[in-house]
């Protein structure tokens, strides 16, 4: 939990750990980034090691996820089916 001292909020290490994965994926608001980066400096090497670990996990996960089919490929498949159905409908009319 954040602690307040003289009107300033300070992130404790538990909160820092919770924010680390969000920092790595770019999901923090600008004010949260500022607080997190201040915590990064304040908590030193332990915090930097945690962030490196989160980056490694993020990269590892990204390498394991199959890329989704491109929209062009998907559109081609849909249009192929549409043409096929249209041809079938034409044959039935004749």
C-alpha atoms as a PDB file:
ATOM      1  CA  UNK A   1       0.000   0.000   0.000  1.00  0.00           C
ATOM      2  CA  UNK A   2       1.143   3.522  -0.698  1.00  0.00           C
ATOM      3  CA  UNK A   3       2.259   5.532   2.233  1.00  0.00           C
ATOM      4  CA  UNK A   4       1.949   9.259   2.570  1.00  0.00           C
ATOM      5  CA  UNK A   5       4.612  11.392   4.156  1.00  0.00           C
ATOM      6  CA  UNK A   6       4.521  15.184   4.092  1.00  0.00           C
ATOM      7  CA  UNK A   7       1.828  15.062   1.406  1.00  0.00           C
ATOM      8  CA  UNK A   8       3.753  12.751  -0.935  1.00  0.00           C
ATOM      9  CA  UNK A   9       2.750   9.194  -1.809  1.00  0.00           C
ATOM     10  CA  UNK A  10       5.424   6.520  -1.567  1.00  0.00           C
ATOM     11  CA  UNK A  11       4.956   3.076  -3.015  1.00  0.00           C
ATOM     12  CA  UNK A  12       5.952   0.191  -0.734  1.00  0.00           C
ATOM     13  CA  UNK A  13       7.720  -2.853  -2.183  1.00  0.00           C
ATOM     14  CA  UNK A  14       4.589  -5.048  -2.220  1.00  0.00           C
ATOM     15  CA  UNK A  15       2.804  -2.473  -4.332  1.00  0.00           C
ATOM     16  CA  UNK A  16       5.909  -2.108  -6.481  1.00  0.00           C
ATOM     17  CA  UNK A  17       5.846  -5.865  -7.152  1.00  0.00           C
ATOM     18  CA  UNK A  18       2.199  -5.667  -8.202  1.00  0.00           C
ATOM     19  CA  UNK A  19       2.895  -2.810 -10.601  1.00  0.00           C
ATOM     20  CA  UNK A  20       6.008  -4.355 -12.196  1.00  0.00           C
ATOM     21  CA  UNK A  21       4.200  -6.580 -14.746  1.00  0.00           C
ATOM     22  CA  UNK A  22       1.893  -3.701 -15.664  1.00  0.00           C
ATOM     23  CA  UNK A  23       4.899  -1.431 -16.171  1.00  0.00           C
ATOM     24  CA  UNK A  24       6.535  -3.982 -18.459  1.00  0.00           C
ATOM     25  CA  UNK A  25       3.490  -4.296 -20.721  1.00  0.00           C
ATOM     26  CA  UNK A  26       2.889  -0.533 -20.796  1.00  0.00           C
ATOM     27  CA  UNK A  27      -0.401  -0.583 -18.892  1.00  0.00           C
ATOM     28  CA  UNK A  28       0.322   2.152 -16.325  1.00  0.00           C
ATOM     29  CA  UNK A  29      -0.965   5.717 -16.410  1.00  0.00           C
ATOM     30  CA  UNK A  30       1.649   8.522 -16.551  1.00  0.00           C
ATOM     31  CA  UNK A  31       1.333   9.294 -12.819  1.00  0.00           C
ATOM     32  CA  UNK A  32       1.712   5.593 -11.999  1.00  0.00           C
ATOM     33  CA  UNK A  33       4.792   5.362 -14.226  1.00  0.00           C
ATOM     34  CA  UNK A  34       6.330   8.273 -12.337  1.00  0.00           C
ATOM     35  CA  UNK A  35       5.622   6.619  -8.968  1.00  0.00           C
ATOM     36  CA  UNK A  36       6.878   3.274 -10.219  1.00  0.00           C
ATOM     37  CA  UNK A  37      10.127   4.703 -11.588  1.00  0.00           C
ATOM     38  CA  UNK A  38      10.716   6.531  -8.309  1.00  0.00           C
ATOM     39  CA  UNK A  39      10.214   3.188  -6.547  1.00  0.00           C
ATOM     40  CA  UNK A  40      12.625   1.580  -8.985  1.00  0.00           C
ATOM     41  CA  UNK A  41      15.323   3.991  -7.899  1.00  0.00           C
ATOM     42  CA  UNK A  42      14.407   3.796  -4.220  1.00  0.00           C
ATOM     43  CA  UNK A  43      14.326  -0.022  -4.012  1.00  0.00           C
ATOM     44  CA  UNK A  44      17.560  -0.383  -5.972  1.00  0.00           C
ATOM     45  CA  UNK A  45      18.961  -3.594  -7.381  1.00  0.00           C
ATOM     46  CA  UNK A  46      16.227  -5.812  -5.946  1.00  0.00           C
ATOM     47  CA  UNK A  47      13.620  -3.797  -7.874  1.00  0.00           C
ATOM     48  CA  UNK A  48      15.699  -3.695 -11.050  1.00  0.00           C
ATOM     49  CA  UNK A  49      16.107  -7.473 -10.876  1.00  0.00           C
ATOM     50  CA  UNK A  50      12.346  -7.874 -10.536  1.00  0.00           C
ATOM     51  CA  UNK A  51      11.741  -5.681 -13.587  1.00  0.00           C
ATOM     52  CA  UNK A  52      14.342  -7.635 -15.605  1.00  0.00           C
ATOM     53  CA  UNK A  53      12.573 -10.852 -14.580  1.00  0.00           C
ATOM     54  CA  UNK A  54       9.204  -9.436 -15.703  1.00  0.00           C
ATOM     55  CA  UNK A  55      10.698  -8.389 -19.062  1.00  0.00           C
ATOM     56  CA  UNK A  56      12.130 -11.901 -19.517  1.00  0.00           C
ATOM     57  CA  UNK A  57       8.744 -13.475 -18.755  1.00  0.00           C
ATOM     58  CA  UNK A  58       7.035 -11.062 -21.116  1.00  0.00           C
ATOM     59  CA  UNK A  59       9.453 -11.865 -23.944  1.00  0.00           C
ATOM     60  CA  UNK A  60       9.195 -15.593 -23.292  1.00  0.00           C
ATOM     61  CA  UNK A  61       5.413 -15.431 -23.374  1.00  0.00           C
ATOM     62  CA  UNK A  62       5.436 -13.340 -26.553  1.00  0.00           C
ATOM     63  CA  UNK A  63       7.617 -15.939 -28.272  1.00  0.00           C
ATOM     64  CA  UNK A  64       5.221 -18.739 -27.339  1.00  0.00           C
ATOM     65  CA  UNK A  65       2.050 -17.100 -28.563  1.00  0.00           C
ATOM     66  CA  UNK A  66       1.143 -18.019 -32.092  1.00  0.00           C
ATOM     67  CA  UNK A  67       0.605 -15.010 -34.274  1.00  0.00           C
ATOM     68  CA  UNK A  68      -2.989 -14.711 -35.317  1.00  0.00           C
ATOM     69  CA  UNK A  69      -3.799 -14.941 -38.964  1.00  0.00           C
ATOM     70  CA  UNK A  70      -3.505 -11.721 -40.799  1.00  0.00           C
ATOM     71  CA  UNK A  71      -6.668  -9.861 -41.624  1.00  0.00           C
ATOM     72  CA  UNK A  72      -5.817 -10.176 -45.307  1.00  0.00           C
ATOM     73  CA  UNK A  73      -5.725 -13.971 -45.048  1.00  0.00           C
ATOM     74  CA  UNK A  74      -8.967 -14.010 -43.097  1.00  0.00           C
ATOM     75  CA  UNK A  75     -10.657 -11.702 -45.611  1.00  0.00           C
ATOM     76  CA  UNK A  76      -9.477 -13.909 -48.489  1.00  0.00           C
ATOM     77  CA  UNK A  77     -10.988 -16.987 -46.816  1.00  0.00           C
ATOM     78  CA  UNK A  78     -14.306 -15.249 -46.203  1.00  0.00           C
ATOM     79  CA  UNK A  79     -14.495 -13.864 -49.728  1.00  0.00           C
ATOM     80  CA  UNK A  80     -13.630 -17.270 -51.163  1.00  0.00           C
ATOM     81  CA  UNK A  81     -16.551 -18.792 -49.292  1.00  0.00           C
ATOM     82  CA  UNK A  82     -18.841 -15.981 -50.423  1.00  0.00           C
ATOM     83  CA  UNK A  83     -17.850 -16.543 -54.072  1.00  0.00           C
ATOM     84  CA  UNK A  84     -18.343 -20.265 -53.625  1.00  0.00           C
ATOM     85  CA  UNK A  85     -21.832 -19.742 -52.195  1.00  0.00           C
ATOM     86  CA  UNK A  86     -22.689 -17.280 -54.967  1.00  0.00           C
ATOM     87  CA  UNK A  87     -21.560 -19.798 -57.625  1.00  0.00           C
ATOM     88  CA  UNK A  88     -23.613 -22.524 -55.957  1.00  0.00           C
ATOM     89  CA  UNK A  89     -26.682 -20.241 -55.898  1.00  0.00           C
ATOM     90  CA  UNK A  90     -26.198 -19.433 -59.612  1.00  0.00           C
ATOM     91  CA  UNK A  91     -26.050 -23.131 -60.462  1.00  0.00           C
ATOM     92  CA  UNK A  92     -29.250 -23.797 -58.551  1.00  0.00           C
ATOM     93  CA  UNK A  93     -31.071 -20.990 -60.400  1.00  0.00           C
ATOM     94  CA  UNK A  94     -30.160 -22.399 -63.824  1.00  0.00           C
END
